[in-house]
Amino acid sequence: MTPEAVMDLAYQGMRVALLLSAPLLLTALLIGLVISLFQAVTQINEMTLSFIPKILGVFGVLVLTGPFLLQLITGYTIELFQGIPSMLR
């Protein structure tokens, strides 16, 4: 296995990991930002206020993007398993 093949495999793995995590993390980030702004404006300093909206938002995005994420990870896994014979040469 050449170093270029290893680097390509690592690049693909990081790309898939980024695409899988980005929708969920960005949703939690945006909801947290909105809740923080709301808390700053109203001077409500309740630490647990942002917990439930984040969970609901991440769950909603997971429901909406779930089929895409599942297709992405299964496609990568199938491609990886099909490439095993060429890696052994």
PDB file of N, CA and C in Angstrom:
ATOM      1  N   MET A   1       0.853  -1.167   0.000  1.00  0.00           N
ATOM      2  CA  MET A   1       0.000   0.000   0.000  1.00  0.00           C
ATOM      3  C   MET A   1       0.905   1.239   0.000  1.00  0.00           C
ATOM      4  N   THR A   2       0.654   2.110  -0.926  1.00  0.00           N
ATOM      5  CA  THR A   2       1.510   3.283  -1.080  1.00  0.00           C
ATOM      6  C   THR A   2       1.119   4.370  -0.078  1.00  0.00           C
ATOM      7  N   PRO A   3       2.030   5.272   0.215  1.00  0.00           N
ATOM      8  CA  PRO A   3       1.698   6.376   1.117  1.00  0.00           C
ATOM      9  C   PRO A   3       0.569   7.270   0.578  1.00  0.00           C
ATOM     10  N   GLU A   4       0.500   7.389  -0.750  1.00  0.00           N
ATOM     11  CA  GLU A   4      -0.581   8.179  -1.351  1.00  0.00           C
ATOM     12  C   GLU A   4      -1.939   7.541  -1.086  1.00  0.00           C
ATOM     13  N   ALA A   5      -1.990   6.215  -1.147  1.00  0.00           N
ATOM     14  CA  ALA A   5      -3.248   5.506  -0.888  1.00  0.00           C
ATOM     15  C   ALA A   5      -3.659   5.663   0.571  1.00  0.00           C
ATOM     16  N   VAL A   6      -2.689   5.617   1.469  1.00  0.00           N
ATOM     17  CA  VAL A   6      -2.983   5.793   2.896  1.00  0.00           C
ATOM     18  C   VAL A   6      -3.518   7.203   3.154  1.00  0.00           C
ATOM     19  N   MET A   7      -2.865   8.191   2.543  1.00  0.00           N
ATOM     20  CA  MET A   7      -3.312   9.576   2.723  1.00  0.00           C
ATOM     21  C   MET A   7      -4.697   9.801   2.122  1.00  0.00           C
ATOM     22  N   ASP A   8      -4.966   9.161   0.987  1.00  0.00           N
ATOM     23  CA  ASP A   8      -6.287   9.285   0.368  1.00  0.00           C
ATOM     24  C   ASP A   8      -7.356   8.650   1.251  1.00  0.00           C
ATOM     25  N   LEU A   9      -7.027   7.505   1.833  1.00  0.00           N
ATOM     26  CA  LEU A   9      -7.956   6.840   2.745  1.00  0.00           C
ATOM     27  C   LEU A   9      -8.219   7.695   3.978  1.00  0.00           C
ATOM     28  N   ALA A  10      -7.175   8.298   4.527  1.00  0.00           N
ATOM     29  CA  ALA A  10      -7.332   9.175   5.693  1.00  0.00           C
ATOM     30  C   ALA A  10      -8.155  10.406   5.338  1.00  0.00           C
ATOM     31  N   TYR A  11      -7.905  10.977   4.166  1.00  0.00           N
ATOM     32  CA  TYR A  11      -8.671  12.141   3.719  1.00  0.00           C
ATOM     33  C   TYR A  11     -10.155  11.804   3.583  1.00  0.00           C
ATOM     34  N   GLN A  12     -10.449  10.674   2.953  1.00  0.00           N
ATOM     35  CA  GLN A  12     -11.846  10.270   2.790  1.00  0.00           C
ATOM     36  C   GLN A  12     -12.519  10.026   4.138  1.00  0.00           C
ATOM     37  N   GLY A  13     -11.789   9.403   5.055  1.00  0.00           N
ATOM     38  CA  GLY A  13     -12.349   9.150   6.387  1.00  0.00           C
ATOM     39  C   GLY A  13     -12.641  10.435   7.136  1.00  0.00           C
ATOM     40  N   MET A  14     -11.727  11.394   7.077  1.00  0.00           N
ATOM     41  CA  MET A  14     -11.964  12.680   7.749  1.00  0.00           C
ATOM     42  C   MET A  14     -13.094  13.457   7.087  1.00  0.00           C
ATOM     43  N   ARG A  15     -13.185  13.355   5.765  1.00  0.00           N
ATOM     44  CA  ARG A  15     -14.264  14.042   5.050  1.00  0.00           C
ATOM     45  C   ARG A  15     -15.628  13.481   5.453  1.00  0.00           C
ATOM     46  N   VAL A  16     -15.718  12.164   5.527  1.00  0.00           N
ATOM     47  CA  VAL A  16     -16.975  11.525   5.923  1.00  0.00           C
ATOM     48  C   VAL A  16     -17.321  11.888   7.369  1.00  0.00           C
ATOM     49  N   ALA A  17     -16.325  11.869   8.251  1.00  0.00           N
ATOM     50  CA  ALA A  17     -16.571  12.227   9.653  1.00  0.00           C
ATOM     51  C   ALA A  17     -17.056  13.670   9.770  1.00  0.00           C
ATOM     52  N   LEU A  18     -16.463  14.568   8.988  1.00  0.00           N
ATOM     53  CA  LEU A  18     -16.885  15.968   9.000  1.00  0.00           C
ATOM     54  C   LEU A  18     -18.305  16.120   8.477  1.00  0.00           C
ATOM     55  N   LEU A  19     -18.619  15.444   7.386  1.00  0.00           N
ATOM     56  CA  LEU A  19     -19.967  15.539   6.822  1.00  0.00           C
ATOM     57  C   LEU A  19     -21.017  14.915   7.744  1.00  0.00           C
ATOM     58  N   LEU A  20     -20.632  13.887   8.498  1.00  0.00           N
ATOM     59  CA  LEU A  20     -21.577  13.266   9.427  1.00  0.00           C
ATOM     60  C   LEU A  20     -21.843  14.145  10.648  1.00  0.00           C
ATOM     61  N   SER A  21     -20.816  14.805  11.126  1.00  0.00           N
ATOM     62  CA  SER A  21     -20.973  15.564  12.368  1.00  0.00           C
ATOM     63  C   SER A  21     -21.395  17.012  12.156  1.00  0.00           C
ATOM     64  N   ALA A  22     -21.123  17.570  11.000  1.00  0.00           N
ATOM     65  CA  ALA A  22     -21.367  19.001  10.775  1.00  0.00           C
ATOM     66  C   ALA A  22     -22.816  19.434  10.999  1.00  0.00           C
ATOM     67  N   PRO A  23     -23.815  18.746  10.445  1.00  0.00           N
ATOM     68  CA  PRO A  23     -25.191  19.229  10.655  1.00  0.00           C
ATOM     69  C   PRO A  23     -25.591  19.264  12.130  1.00  0.00           C
ATOM     70  N   LEU A  24     -25.207  18.247  12.875  1.00  0.00           N
ATOM     71  CA  LEU A  24     -25.588  18.177  14.280  1.00  0.00           C
ATOM     72  C   LEU A  24     -24.845  19.212  15.115  1.00  0.00           C
ATOM     73  N   LEU A  25     -23.547  19.345  14.872  1.00  0.00           N
ATOM     74  CA  LEU A  25     -22.758  20.303  15.642  1.00  0.00           C
ATOM     75  C   LEU A  25     -23.135  21.746  15.322  1.00  0.00           C
ATOM     76  N   LEU A  26     -23.377  22.032  14.051  1.00  0.00           N
ATOM     77  CA  LEU A  26     -23.775  23.394  13.679  1.00  0.00           C
ATOM     78  C   LEU A  26     -25.137  23.755  14.261  1.00  0.00           C
ATOM     79  N   THR A  27     -26.037  22.795  14.285  1.00  0.00           N
ATOM     80  CA  THR A  27     -27.348  23.041  14.887  1.00  0.00           C
ATOM     81  C   THR A  27     -27.210  23.356  16.369  1.00  0.00           C
ATOM     82  N   ALA A  28     -26.437  22.558  17.088  1.00  0.00           N
ATOM     83  CA  ALA A  28     -26.233  22.805  18.517  1.00  0.00           C
ATOM     84  C   ALA A  28     -25.550  24.144  18.741  1.00  0.00           C
ATOM     85  N   LEU A  29     -24.602  24.491  17.879  1.00  0.00           N
ATOM     86  CA  LEU A  29     -23.906  25.769  17.997  1.00  0.00           C
ATOM     87  C   LEU A  29     -24.858  26.941  17.790  1.00  0.00           C
ATOM     88  N   LEU A  30     -25.660  26.883  16.744  1.00  0.00           N
ATOM     89  CA  LEU A  30     -26.585  27.985  16.458  1.00  0.00           C
ATOM     90  C   LEU A  30     -27.660  28.132  17.535  1.00  0.00           C
ATOM     91  N   ILE A  31     -28.198  27.027  17.995  1.00  0.00           N
ATOM     92  CA  ILE A  31     -29.207  27.089  19.055  1.00  0.00           C
ATOM     93  C   ILE A  31     -28.595  27.629  20.338  1.00  0.00           C
ATOM     94  N   GLY A  32     -27.388  27.193  20.648  1.00  0.00           N
ATOM     95  CA  GLY A  32     -26.695  27.708  21.834  1.00  0.00           C
ATOM     96  C   GLY A  32     -26.436  29.196  21.734  1.00  0.00           C
ATOM     97  N   LEU A  33     -26.080  29.672  20.542  1.00  0.00           N
ATOM     98  CA  LEU A  33     -25.848  31.093  20.335  1.00  0.00           C
ATOM     99  C   LEU A  33     -27.130  31.897  20.519  1.00  0.00           C
ATOM    100  N   VAL A  34     -28.223  31.409  19.957  1.00  0.00           N
ATOM    101  CA  VAL A  34     -29.508  32.106  20.094  1.00  0.00           C
ATOM    102  C   VAL A  34     -29.950  32.138  21.559  1.00  0.00           C
ATOM    103  N   ILE A  35     -29.824  31.032  22.240  1.00  0.00           N
ATOM    104  CA  ILE A  35     -30.216  30.981  23.653  1.00  0.00           C
ATOM    105  C   ILE A  35     -29.313  31.896  24.489  1.00  0.00           C
ATOM    106  N   SER A  36     -28.028  31.928  24.183  1.00  0.00           N
ATOM    107  CA  SER A  36     -27.110  32.803  24.922  1.00  0.00           C
ATOM    108  C   SER A  36     -27.455  34.268  24.708  1.00  0.00           C
ATOM    109  N   LEU A  37     -27.781  34.628  23.476  1.00  0.00           N
ATOM    110  CA  LEU A  37     -28.202  36.005  23.208  1.00  0.00           C
ATOM    111  C   LEU A  37     -29.491  36.342  23.970  1.00  0.00           C
ATOM    112  N   PHE A  38     -30.424  35.393  23.978  1.00  0.00           N
ATOM    113  CA  PHE A  38     -31.673  35.592  24.720  1.00  0.00           C
ATOM    114  C   PHE A  38     -31.394  35.779  26.211  1.00  0.00           C
ATOM    115  N   GLN A  39     -30.494  34.970  26.747  1.00  0.00           N
ATOM    116  CA  GLN A  39     -30.156  35.083  28.165  1.00  0.00           C
ATOM    117  C   GLN A  39     -29.449  36.400  28.464  1.00  0.00           C
ATOM    118  N   ALA A  40     -28.624  36.863  27.545  1.00  0.00           N
ATOM    119  CA  ALA A  40     -27.928  38.131  27.760  1.00  0.00           C
ATOM    120  C   ALA A  40     -28.891  39.305  27.712  1.00  0.00           C
ATOM    121  N   VAL A  41     -29.858  39.246  26.810  1.00  0.00           N
ATOM    122  CA  VAL A  41     -30.824  40.332  26.687  1.00  0.00           C
ATOM    123  C   VAL A  41     -31.764  40.377  27.884  1.00  0.00           C
ATOM    124  N   THR A  42     -32.224  39.226  28.323  1.00  0.00           N
ATOM    125  CA  THR A  42     -33.201  39.176  29.412  1.00  0.00           C
ATOM    126  C   THR A  42     -32.553  39.047  30.788  1.00  0.00           C
ATOM    127  N   GLN A  43     -31.252  38.858  30.845  1.00  0.00           N
ATOM    128  CA  GLN A  43     -30.489  38.672  32.069  1.00  0.00           C
ATOM    129  C   GLN A  43     -30.975  37.476  32.894  1.00  0.00           C
ATOM    130  N   ILE A  44     -31.424  36.458  32.184  1.00  0.00           N
ATOM    131  CA  ILE A  44     -31.775  35.184  32.827  1.00  0.00           C
ATOM    132  C   ILE A  44     -30.525  34.315  32.770  1.00  0.00           C
ATOM    133  N   ASN A  45     -29.992  33.957  33.908  1.00  0.00           N
ATOM    134  CA  ASN A  45     -28.759  33.176  33.954  1.00  0.00           C
ATOM    135  C   ASN A  45     -29.021  31.745  34.392  1.00  0.00           C
ATOM    136  N   GLU A  46     -29.884  31.082  33.704  1.00  0.00           N
ATOM    137  CA  GLU A  46     -30.203  29.687  34.002  1.00  0.00           C
ATOM    138  C   GLU A  46     -29.375  28.792  33.084  1.00  0.00           C
ATOM    139  N   MET A  47     -28.516  27.973  33.654  1.00  0.00           N
ATOM    140  CA  MET A  47     -27.602  27.148  32.860  1.00  0.00           C
ATOM    141  C   MET A  47     -28.334  26.039  32.098  1.00  0.00           C
ATOM    142  N   THR A  48     -29.444  25.564  32.619  1.00  0.00           N
ATOM    143  CA  THR A  48     -30.141  24.449  31.979  1.00  0.00           C
ATOM    144  C   THR A  48     -31.120  24.900  30.910  1.00  0.00           C
ATOM    145  N   LEU A  49     -31.256  26.191  30.688  1.00  0.00           N
ATOM    146  CA  LEU A  49     -32.222  26.707  29.714  1.00  0.00           C
ATOM    147  C   LEU A  49     -31.897  26.266  28.297  1.00  0.00           C
ATOM    148  N   SER A  50     -30.636  26.151  27.964  1.00  0.00           N
ATOM    149  CA  SER A  50     -30.280  25.816  26.586  1.00  0.00           C
ATOM    150  C   SER A  50     -30.252  24.312  26.328  1.00  0.00           C
ATOM    151  N   PHE A  51     -30.364  23.512  27.346  1.00  0.00           N
ATOM    152  CA  PHE A  51     -30.214  22.065  27.199  1.00  0.00           C
ATOM    153  C   PHE A  51     -31.340  21.445  26.373  1.00  0.00           C
ATOM    154  N   ILE A  52     -32.582  21.708  26.731  1.00  0.00           N
ATOM    155  CA  ILE A  52     -33.732  21.102  26.038  1.00  0.00           C
ATOM    156  C   ILE A  52     -33.842  21.589  24.593  1.00  0.00           C
ATOM    157  N   PRO A  53     -33.724  22.899  24.305  1.00  0.00           N
ATOM    158  CA  PRO A  53     -33.780  23.313  22.890  1.00  0.00           C
ATOM    159  C   PRO A  53     -32.669  22.702  22.040  1.00  0.00           C
ATOM    160  N   LYS A  54     -31.491  22.532  22.605  1.00  0.00           N
ATOM    161  CA  LYS A  54     -30.402  21.904  21.847  1.00  0.00           C
ATOM    162  C   LYS A  54     -30.738  20.452  21.530  1.00  0.00           C
ATOM    163  N   ILE A  55     -31.248  19.734  22.515  1.00  0.00           N
ATOM    164  CA  ILE A  55     -31.598  18.327  22.291  1.00  0.00           C
ATOM    165  C   ILE A  55     -32.687  18.212  21.233  1.00  0.00           C
ATOM    166  N   LEU A  56     -33.714  19.050  21.335  1.00  0.00           N
ATOM    167  CA  LEU A  56     -34.794  19.002  20.353  1.00  0.00           C
ATOM    168  C   LEU A  56     -34.309  19.406  18.971  1.00  0.00           C
ATOM    169  N   GLY A  57     -33.458  20.418  18.889  1.00  0.00           N
ATOM    170  CA  GLY A  57     -32.926  20.852  17.602  1.00  0.00           C
ATOM    171  C   GLY A  57     -32.052  19.793  16.953  1.00  0.00           C
ATOM    172  N   VAL A  58     -31.167  19.194  17.729  1.00  0.00           N
ATOM    173  CA  VAL A  58     -30.293  18.149  17.190  1.00  0.00           C
ATOM    174  C   VAL A  58     -31.113  16.939  16.773  1.00  0.00           C
ATOM    175  N   PHE A  59     -32.126  16.596  17.555  1.00  0.00           N
ATOM    176  CA  PHE A  59     -32.993  15.473  17.186  1.00  0.00           C
ATOM    177  C   PHE A  59     -33.741  15.775  15.884  1.00  0.00           C
ATOM    178  N   GLY A  60     -34.249  17.007  15.744  1.00  0.00           N
ATOM    179  CA  GLY A  60     -34.957  17.391  14.515  1.00  0.00           C
ATOM    180  C   GLY A  60     -34.053  17.339  13.298  1.00  0.00           C
ATOM    181  N   VAL A  61     -32.840  17.833  13.439  1.00  0.00           N
ATOM    182  CA  VAL A  61     -31.897  17.794  12.315  1.00  0.00           C
ATOM    183  C   VAL A  61     -31.501  16.355  12.007  1.00  0.00           C
ATOM    184  N   LEU A  62     -31.371  15.543  13.030  1.00  0.00           N
ATOM    185  CA  LEU A  62     -31.047  14.138  12.814  1.00  0.00           C
ATOM    186  C   LEU A  62     -32.167  13.430  12.057  1.00  0.00           C
ATOM    187  N   VAL A  63     -33.411  13.761  12.378  1.00  0.00           N
ATOM    188  CA  VAL A  63     -34.541  13.168  11.662  1.00  0.00           C
ATOM    189  C   VAL A  63     -34.546  13.623  10.207  1.00  0.00           C
ATOM    190  N   LEU A  64     -34.263  14.910   9.978  1.00  0.00           N
ATOM    191  CA  LEU A  64     -34.288  15.442   8.618  1.00  0.00           C
ATOM    192  C   LEU A  64     -33.109  14.965   7.772  1.00  0.00           C
ATOM    193  N   THR A  65     -31.921  14.915   8.359  1.00  0.00           N
ATOM    194  CA  THR A  65     -30.734  14.547   7.590  1.00  0.00           C
ATOM    195  C   THR A  65     -30.335  13.093   7.764  1.00  0.00           C
ATOM    196  N   GLY A  66     -31.086  12.354   8.552  1.00  0.00           N
ATOM    197  CA  GLY A  66     -30.761  10.950   8.819  1.00  0.00           C
ATOM    198  C   GLY A  66     -30.581  10.095   7.576  1.00  0.00           C
ATOM    199  N   PRO A  67     -31.511  10.159   6.611  1.00  0.00           N
ATOM    200  CA  PRO A  67     -31.322   9.329   5.410  1.00  0.00           C
ATOM    201  C   PRO A  67     -30.046   9.674   4.643  1.00  0.00           C
ATOM    202  N   PHE A  68     -29.726  10.968   4.537  1.00  0.00           N
ATOM    203  CA  PHE A  68     -28.490  11.375   3.859  1.00  0.00           C
ATOM    204  C   PHE A  68     -27.268  10.874   4.612  1.00  0.00           C
ATOM    205  N   LEU A  69     -27.270  11.021   5.934  1.00  0.00           N
ATOM    206  CA  LEU A  69     -26.134  10.587   6.739  1.00  0.00           C
ATOM    207  C   LEU A  69     -25.953   9.078   6.669  1.00  0.00           C
ATOM    208  N   LEU A  70     -27.058   8.352   6.700  1.00  0.00           N
ATOM    209  CA  LEU A  70     -26.988   6.890   6.601  1.00  0.00           C
ATOM    210  C   LEU A  70     -26.467   6.459   5.241  1.00  0.00           C
ATOM    211  N   GLN A  71     -26.929   7.114   4.189  1.00  0.00           N
ATOM    212  CA  GLN A  71     -26.450   6.811   2.839  1.00  0.00           C
ATOM    213  C   GLN A  71     -24.956   7.122   2.717  1.00  0.00           C
ATOM    214  N   LEU A  72     -24.525   8.204   3.326  1.00  0.00           N
ATOM    215  CA  LEU A  72     -23.121   8.599   3.280  1.00  0.00           C
ATOM    216  C   LEU A  72     -22.223   7.574   3.956  1.00  0.00           C
ATOM    217  N   ILE A  73     -22.590   7.148   5.155  1.00  0.00           N
ATOM    218  CA  ILE A  73     -21.740   6.211   5.890  1.00  0.00           C
ATOM    219  C   ILE A  73     -21.783   4.811   5.283  1.00  0.00           C
ATOM    220  N   THR A  74     -22.930   4.384   4.781  1.00  0.00           N
ATOM    221  CA  THR A  74     -22.980   3.061   4.145  1.00  0.00           C
ATOM    222  C   THR A  74     -22.212   3.067   2.823  1.00  0.00           C
ATOM    223  N   GLY A  75     -22.307   4.149   2.059  1.00  0.00           N
ATOM    224  CA  GLY A  75     -21.537   4.243   0.818  1.00  0.00           C
ATOM    225  C   GLY A  75     -20.044   4.210   1.081  1.00  0.00           C
ATOM    226  N   TYR A  76     -19.604   4.919   2.103  1.00  0.00           N
ATOM    227  CA  TYR A  76     -18.180   4.914   2.456  1.00  0.00           C
ATOM    228  C   TYR A  76     -17.738   3.530   2.919  1.00  0.00           C
ATOM    229  N   THR A  77     -18.553   2.877   3.715  1.00  0.00           N
ATOM    230  CA  THR A  77     -18.201   1.540   4.221  1.00  0.00           C
ATOM    231  C   THR A  77     -18.129   0.528   3.080  1.00  0.00           C
ATOM    232  N   ILE A  78     -19.097   0.592   2.172  1.00  0.00           N
ATOM    233  CA  ILE A  78     -19.083  -0.332   1.032  1.00  0.00           C
ATOM    234  C   ILE A  78     -17.850  -0.082   0.167  1.00  0.00           C
ATOM    235  N   GLU A  79     -17.544   1.181  -0.090  1.00  0.00           N
ATOM    236  CA  GLU A  79     -16.360   1.523  -0.879  1.00  0.00           C
ATOM    237  C   GLU A  79     -15.081   1.051  -0.188  1.00  0.00           C
ATOM    238  N   LEU A  80     -15.040   1.192   1.119  1.00  0.00           N
ATOM    239  CA  LEU A  80     -13.873   0.757   1.882  1.00  0.00           C
ATOM    240  C   LEU A  80     -13.706  -0.758   1.829  1.00  0.00           C
ATOM    241  N   PHE A  81     -14.802  -1.494   2.011  1.00  0.00           N
ATOM    242  CA  PHE A  81     -14.718  -2.953   1.972  1.00  0.00           C
ATOM    243  C   PHE A  81     -14.384  -3.464   0.574  1.00  0.00           C
ATOM    244  N   GLN A  82     -14.913  -2.799  -0.451  1.00  0.00           N
ATOM    245  CA  GLN A  82     -14.598  -3.226  -1.818  1.00  0.00           C
ATOM    246  C   GLN A  82     -13.154  -2.918  -2.188  1.00  0.00           C
ATOM    247  N   GLY A  83     -12.537  -1.964  -1.507  1.00  0.00           N
ATOM    248  CA  GLY A  83     -11.159  -1.605  -1.792  1.00  0.00           C
ATOM    249  C   GLY A  83     -10.131  -2.441  -1.036  1.00  0.00           C
ATOM    250  N   ILE A  84     -10.582  -3.332  -0.160  1.00  0.00           N
ATOM    251  CA  ILE A  84      -9.648  -4.145   0.624  1.00  0.00           C
ATOM    252  C   ILE A  84      -8.737  -5.009  -0.263  1.00  0.00           C
ATOM    253  N   PRO A  85      -9.246  -5.673  -1.301  1.00  0.00           N
ATOM    254  CA  PRO A  85      -8.330  -6.462  -2.128  1.00  0.00           C
ATOM    255  C   PRO A  85      -7.210  -5.629  -2.777  1.00  0.00           C
ATOM    256  N   SER A  86      -7.518  -4.436  -3.183  1.00  0.00           N
ATOM    257  CA  SER A  86      -6.478  -3.617  -3.805  1.00  0.00           C
ATOM    258  C   SER A  86      -5.480  -3.104  -2.757  1.00  0.00           C
ATOM    259  N   MET A  87      -5.885  -3.040  -1.495  1.00  0.00           N
ATOM    260  CA  MET A  87      -4.972  -2.595  -0.437  1.00  0.00           C
ATOM    261  C   MET A  87      -3.950  -3.676  -0.085  1.00  0.00           C
ATOM    262  N   LEU A  88      -4.285  -4.923  -0.349  1.00  0.00           N
ATOM    263  CA  LEU A  88      -3.411  -6.022   0.031  1.00  0.00           C
ATOM    264  C   LEU A  88      -2.290  -6.275  -0.969  1.00  0.00           C
ATOM    265  N   ARG A  89      -2.376  -5.646  -2.115  1.00  0.00           N
ATOM    266  CA  ARG A  89      -1.322  -5.848  -3.127  1.00  0.00           C
ATOM    267  C   ARG A  89      -0.070  -5.142  -2.764  1.00  0.00           C
TER     268      ARG A  89
END
